[in-house]
Amino acid sequence: MQTRSSKKRPIPDDMGGSKKGKAHWTPQEEAALIQFLFDKKNETTSGTMFKDSIFQQAALHIQPLHVKGSQKSMSSCKSKWKSVCISFVRVFTVSQ
């Protein structure tokens, strides 16, 4: 039973972190994610998307760079990659 004085436990995500906190990405973490995925480009499923297992490996790869916010998870890496792709398309489209 939940009472006012008892604290809610955060729901763990796929890396043991908390869904309550937002992942904060430093430029170094973003660069490491992009470089890691670039090195794995032969493992894409449709040219720009990777299997979840690759994003899980990416999260583990950038874990030593963690500074602030929640630890990066498979889902946060996947979300960041989608964001990077969208930003690239917007910049590319504007420059044409």
N, C-alpha and C. Protein backbone atom coordinates (compact mmCIF):
# COMPACT_ATOMS: atom_id res chain seq x y z
N MET A 1 0.83 -1.17 0.00
CA MET A 1 0.00 0.00 0.00
C MET A 1 0.89 1.24 0.00
N GLN A 2 0.56 2.18 -0.83
CA GLN A 2 1.30 3.43 -0.96
C GLN A 2 0.73 4.47 0.00
N THR A 3 1.58 5.04 0.82
CA THR A 3 1.14 6.11 1.70
C THR A 3 1.85 7.39 1.31
N ARG A 4 1.41 8.50 1.85
CA ARG A 4 2.03 9.78 1.52
C ARG A 4 3.49 9.83 1.92
N SER A 5 3.83 9.14 2.98
CA SER A 5 5.21 9.20 3.47
C SER A 5 6.13 8.22 2.75
N SER A 6 5.57 7.20 2.10
CA SER A 6 6.43 6.26 1.40
C SER A 6 6.81 6.83 0.04
N LYS A 7 8.04 6.54 -0.37
CA LYS A 7 8.53 7.08 -1.63
C LYS A 7 8.25 6.12 -2.76
N LYS A 8 7.89 6.65 -3.92
CA LYS A 8 7.70 5.83 -5.10
C LYS A 8 9.06 5.41 -5.63
N ARG A 9 9.16 4.18 -6.01
CA ARG A 9 10.39 3.70 -6.61
C ARG A 9 10.33 3.96 -8.11
N PRO A 10 11.42 4.49 -8.69
CA PRO A 10 11.43 4.71 -10.13
C PRO A 10 11.40 3.39 -10.88
N ILE A 11 10.77 3.39 -12.04
CA ILE A 11 10.68 2.20 -12.87
C ILE A 11 12.00 2.06 -13.62
N PRO A 12 12.68 0.91 -13.48
CA PRO A 12 13.95 0.75 -14.18
C PRO A 12 13.75 0.63 -15.67
N ASP A 13 14.71 1.17 -16.46
CA ASP A 13 14.64 1.02 -17.90
C ASP A 13 15.54 -0.12 -18.32
N ASP A 14 15.90 -0.21 -19.59
CA ASP A 14 16.64 -1.33 -20.11
C ASP A 14 18.12 -1.36 -19.71
N MET A 15 18.61 -0.35 -18.99
CA MET A 15 20.00 -0.35 -18.54
C MET A 15 20.09 -0.23 -17.02
N GLY A 16 18.98 -0.39 -16.34
CA GLY A 16 19.00 -0.31 -14.89
C GLY A 16 18.92 1.10 -14.37
N GLY A 17 18.71 2.07 -15.24
CA GLY A 17 18.58 3.46 -14.81
C GLY A 17 17.16 3.75 -14.38
N SER A 18 16.77 4.98 -14.51
CA SER A 18 15.44 5.38 -14.09
C SER A 18 14.75 6.11 -15.22
N LYS A 19 13.49 5.79 -15.48
CA LYS A 19 12.74 6.49 -16.50
C LYS A 19 12.32 7.87 -16.00
N LYS A 20 12.49 8.11 -14.71
CA LYS A 20 12.08 9.37 -14.12
C LYS A 20 12.97 10.51 -14.61
N GLY A 21 14.28 10.27 -14.69
CA GLY A 21 15.21 11.31 -15.10
C GLY A 21 15.40 11.35 -16.61
N LYS A 22 15.76 12.52 -17.10
CA LYS A 22 16.00 12.70 -18.52
C LYS A 22 17.50 12.55 -18.78
N ALA A 23 17.82 11.91 -19.88
CA ALA A 23 19.23 11.76 -20.24
C ALA A 23 19.76 13.10 -20.72
N HIS A 24 20.90 13.49 -20.20
CA HIS A 24 21.58 14.71 -20.63
C HIS A 24 22.75 14.27 -21.50
N TRP A 25 22.80 14.77 -22.72
CA TRP A 25 23.86 14.39 -23.65
C TRP A 25 24.90 15.49 -23.76
N THR A 26 26.15 15.14 -23.49
CA THR A 26 27.25 16.07 -23.70
C THR A 26 27.71 15.95 -25.15
N PRO A 27 28.40 16.96 -25.68
CA PRO A 27 28.94 16.83 -27.04
C PRO A 27 29.85 15.61 -27.20
N GLN A 28 30.60 15.27 -26.15
CA GLN A 28 31.48 14.10 -26.21
C GLN A 28 30.68 12.80 -26.32
N GLU A 29 29.57 12.72 -25.58
CA GLU A 29 28.73 11.52 -25.66
C GLU A 29 28.07 11.42 -27.03
N GLU A 30 27.60 12.55 -27.55
CA GLU A 30 26.99 12.54 -28.88
C GLU A 30 28.00 12.11 -29.94
N ALA A 31 29.20 12.67 -29.87
CA ALA A 31 30.25 12.32 -30.83
C ALA A 31 30.61 10.84 -30.73
N ALA A 32 30.70 10.33 -29.50
CA ALA A 32 31.04 8.92 -29.30
C ALA A 32 29.93 8.02 -29.86
N LEU A 33 28.67 8.41 -29.66
CA LEU A 33 27.55 7.63 -30.20
C LEU A 33 27.61 7.62 -31.73
N ILE A 34 27.78 8.78 -32.33
CA ILE A 34 27.82 8.87 -33.79
C ILE A 34 29.00 8.06 -34.34
N GLN A 35 30.17 8.18 -33.72
CA GLN A 35 31.34 7.42 -34.18
C GLN A 35 31.12 5.92 -34.04
N PHE A 36 30.54 5.50 -32.91
CA PHE A 36 30.27 4.08 -32.69
C PHE A 36 29.33 3.55 -33.77
N LEU A 37 28.25 4.29 -34.04
CA LEU A 37 27.30 3.83 -35.05
C LEU A 37 27.90 3.89 -36.45
N PHE A 38 28.74 4.88 -36.70
CA PHE A 38 29.43 4.94 -38.00
C PHE A 38 30.28 3.69 -38.19
N ASP A 39 30.96 3.28 -37.13
CA ASP A 39 31.80 2.08 -37.21
C ASP A 39 30.96 0.81 -37.42
N LYS A 40 29.68 0.87 -37.05
CA LYS A 40 28.78 -0.28 -37.20
C LYS A 40 27.85 -0.12 -38.41
N LYS A 41 28.17 0.79 -39.32
CA LYS A 41 27.25 1.11 -40.42
C LYS A 41 26.88 -0.09 -41.28
N ASN A 42 27.71 -1.10 -41.33
CA ASN A 42 27.39 -2.30 -42.12
C ASN A 42 26.29 -3.14 -41.47
N GLU A 43 25.91 -2.79 -40.26
CA GLU A 43 24.90 -3.56 -39.53
C GLU A 43 23.54 -2.84 -39.49
N THR A 44 23.34 -1.87 -40.38
CA THR A 44 22.06 -1.16 -40.41
C THR A 44 20.97 -2.05 -41.00
N THR A 45 19.74 -1.75 -40.66
CA THR A 45 18.61 -2.51 -41.19
C THR A 45 17.98 -1.81 -42.38
N SER A 46 18.15 -0.49 -42.48
CA SER A 46 17.53 0.23 -43.60
C SER A 46 18.34 1.46 -44.00
N GLY A 47 19.64 1.37 -43.89
CA GLY A 47 20.48 2.50 -44.28
C GLY A 47 20.84 3.41 -43.13
N THR A 48 19.89 3.68 -42.22
CA THR A 48 20.18 4.57 -41.10
C THR A 48 19.76 3.98 -39.75
N MET A 49 19.00 2.91 -39.75
CA MET A 49 18.54 2.35 -38.48
C MET A 49 19.26 1.05 -38.16
N PHE A 50 19.49 0.86 -36.88
CA PHE A 50 20.21 -0.29 -36.38
C PHE A 50 19.27 -1.14 -35.53
N LYS A 51 19.67 -2.39 -35.34
CA LYS A 51 18.92 -3.27 -34.43
C LYS A 51 19.11 -2.76 -33.01
N ASP A 52 18.17 -3.10 -32.14
CA ASP A 52 18.25 -2.68 -30.74
C ASP A 52 19.54 -3.16 -30.08
N SER A 53 20.05 -4.31 -30.48
CA SER A 53 21.27 -4.83 -29.87
C SER A 53 22.46 -3.90 -30.12
N ILE A 54 22.49 -3.22 -31.26
CA ILE A 54 23.57 -2.27 -31.56
C ILE A 54 23.44 -1.05 -30.65
N PHE A 55 22.21 -0.58 -30.44
CA PHE A 55 22.00 0.56 -29.53
C PHE A 55 22.36 0.18 -28.09
N GLN A 56 22.12 -1.08 -27.72
CA GLN A 56 22.50 -1.56 -26.39
C GLN A 56 24.02 -1.53 -26.26
N GLN A 57 24.73 -1.98 -27.30
CA GLN A 57 26.19 -1.93 -27.29
C GLN A 57 26.68 -0.49 -27.23
N ALA A 58 26.00 0.40 -27.95
CA ALA A 58 26.38 1.82 -27.95
C ALA A 58 26.24 2.41 -26.54
N ALA A 59 25.16 2.07 -25.85
CA ALA A 59 24.95 2.57 -24.49
C ALA A 59 26.09 2.13 -23.57
N LEU A 60 26.50 0.90 -23.70
CA LEU A 60 27.61 0.40 -22.89
C LEU A 60 28.92 1.08 -23.29
N HIS A 61 29.09 1.34 -24.58
CA HIS A 61 30.31 1.96 -25.09
C HIS A 61 30.48 3.39 -24.54
N ILE A 62 29.40 4.15 -24.46
CA ILE A 62 29.51 5.55 -24.02
C ILE A 62 29.35 5.71 -22.51
N GLN A 63 29.06 4.63 -21.81
CA GLN A 63 28.85 4.70 -20.36
C GLN A 63 30.01 5.37 -19.61
N PRO A 64 31.28 5.12 -19.97
CA PRO A 64 32.38 5.78 -19.24
C PRO A 64 32.40 7.31 -19.40
N LEU A 65 31.70 7.83 -20.39
CA LEU A 65 31.67 9.28 -20.63
C LEU A 65 30.56 9.98 -19.85
N HIS A 66 29.75 9.21 -19.13
CA HIS A 66 28.58 9.77 -18.43
C HIS A 66 29.00 10.84 -17.43
N VAL A 67 28.31 12.00 -17.49
CA VAL A 67 28.61 13.11 -16.60
C VAL A 67 27.37 13.54 -15.82
N LYS A 68 26.23 13.63 -16.51
CA LYS A 68 25.05 14.25 -15.92
C LYS A 68 23.79 13.55 -16.41
N GLY A 69 22.76 13.56 -15.58
CA GLY A 69 21.48 12.99 -15.96
C GLY A 69 21.48 11.47 -15.81
N SER A 70 20.47 10.85 -16.38
CA SER A 70 20.36 9.39 -16.31
C SER A 70 21.43 8.74 -17.17
N GLN A 71 21.80 7.53 -16.80
CA GLN A 71 22.71 6.75 -17.64
C GLN A 71 22.04 6.53 -18.99
N LYS A 72 22.83 6.51 -20.04
CA LYS A 72 22.28 6.29 -21.37
C LYS A 72 21.85 4.83 -21.50
N SER A 73 20.68 4.63 -22.04
CA SER A 73 20.12 3.30 -22.24
C SER A 73 20.00 3.03 -23.73
N MET A 74 19.61 1.81 -24.06
CA MET A 74 19.38 1.46 -25.45
C MET A 74 18.35 2.41 -26.05
N SER A 75 17.28 2.66 -25.34
CA SER A 75 16.22 3.52 -25.88
C SER A 75 16.66 4.98 -25.99
N SER A 76 17.47 5.47 -25.05
CA SER A 76 17.93 6.86 -25.16
C SER A 76 18.92 7.01 -26.32
N CYS A 77 19.75 6.00 -26.55
CA CYS A 77 20.68 6.04 -27.69
C CYS A 77 19.91 6.01 -29.01
N LYS A 78 18.89 5.19 -29.06
CA LYS A 78 18.05 5.08 -30.26
C LYS A 78 17.34 6.41 -30.52
N SER A 79 16.82 7.00 -29.49
CA SER A 79 16.13 8.29 -29.61
C SER A 79 17.09 9.39 -30.06
N LYS A 80 18.29 9.41 -29.48
CA LYS A 80 19.28 10.42 -29.86
C LYS A 80 19.68 10.24 -31.32
N TRP A 81 19.85 9.00 -31.77
CA TRP A 81 20.22 8.74 -33.17
C TRP A 81 19.12 9.24 -34.11
N LYS A 82 17.87 9.00 -33.77
CA LYS A 82 16.77 9.51 -34.59
C LYS A 82 16.81 11.02 -34.66
N SER A 83 17.09 11.66 -33.53
CA SER A 83 17.18 13.11 -33.46
C SER A 83 18.33 13.64 -34.33
N VAL A 84 19.46 12.96 -34.28
CA VAL A 84 20.61 13.35 -35.10
C VAL A 84 20.26 13.23 -36.59
N CYS A 85 19.60 12.15 -36.96
CA CYS A 85 19.21 11.95 -38.37
C CYS A 85 18.24 13.03 -38.83
N ILE A 86 17.27 13.37 -37.99
CA ILE A 86 16.30 14.42 -38.33
C ILE A 86 17.01 15.76 -38.49
N SER A 87 17.93 16.07 -37.58
CA SER A 87 18.67 17.32 -37.67
C SER A 87 19.50 17.37 -38.93
N PHE A 88 20.12 16.27 -39.29
CA PHE A 88 20.93 16.21 -40.50
C PHE A 88 20.08 16.49 -41.74
N VAL A 89 18.92 15.87 -41.81
CA VAL A 89 18.03 16.07 -42.96
C VAL A 89 17.59 17.53 -43.05
N ARG A 90 17.26 18.13 -41.92
CA ARG A 90 16.85 19.54 -41.92
C ARG A 90 17.97 20.45 -42.40
N VAL A 91 19.17 20.24 -41.90
CA VAL A 91 20.31 21.07 -42.32
C VAL A 91 20.61 20.84 -43.80
N PHE A 92 20.58 19.60 -44.22
CA PHE A 92 20.85 19.28 -45.62
C PHE A 92 19.81 19.92 -46.53
N THR A 93 18.54 19.85 -46.14
CA THR A 93 17.45 20.42 -46.93
C THR A 93 17.58 21.94 -47.03
N VAL A 94 17.89 22.60 -45.95
CA VAL A 94 18.04 24.05 -45.94
C VAL A 94 19.22 24.49 -46.80
N SER A 95 20.27 23.69 -46.81
CA SER A 95 21.48 24.08 -47.56
C SER A 95 21.32 23.88 -49.06
N GLN A 96 20.28 23.22 -49.50
CA GLN A 96 20.07 22.97 -50.93
C GLN A 96 19.46 24.14 -51.64
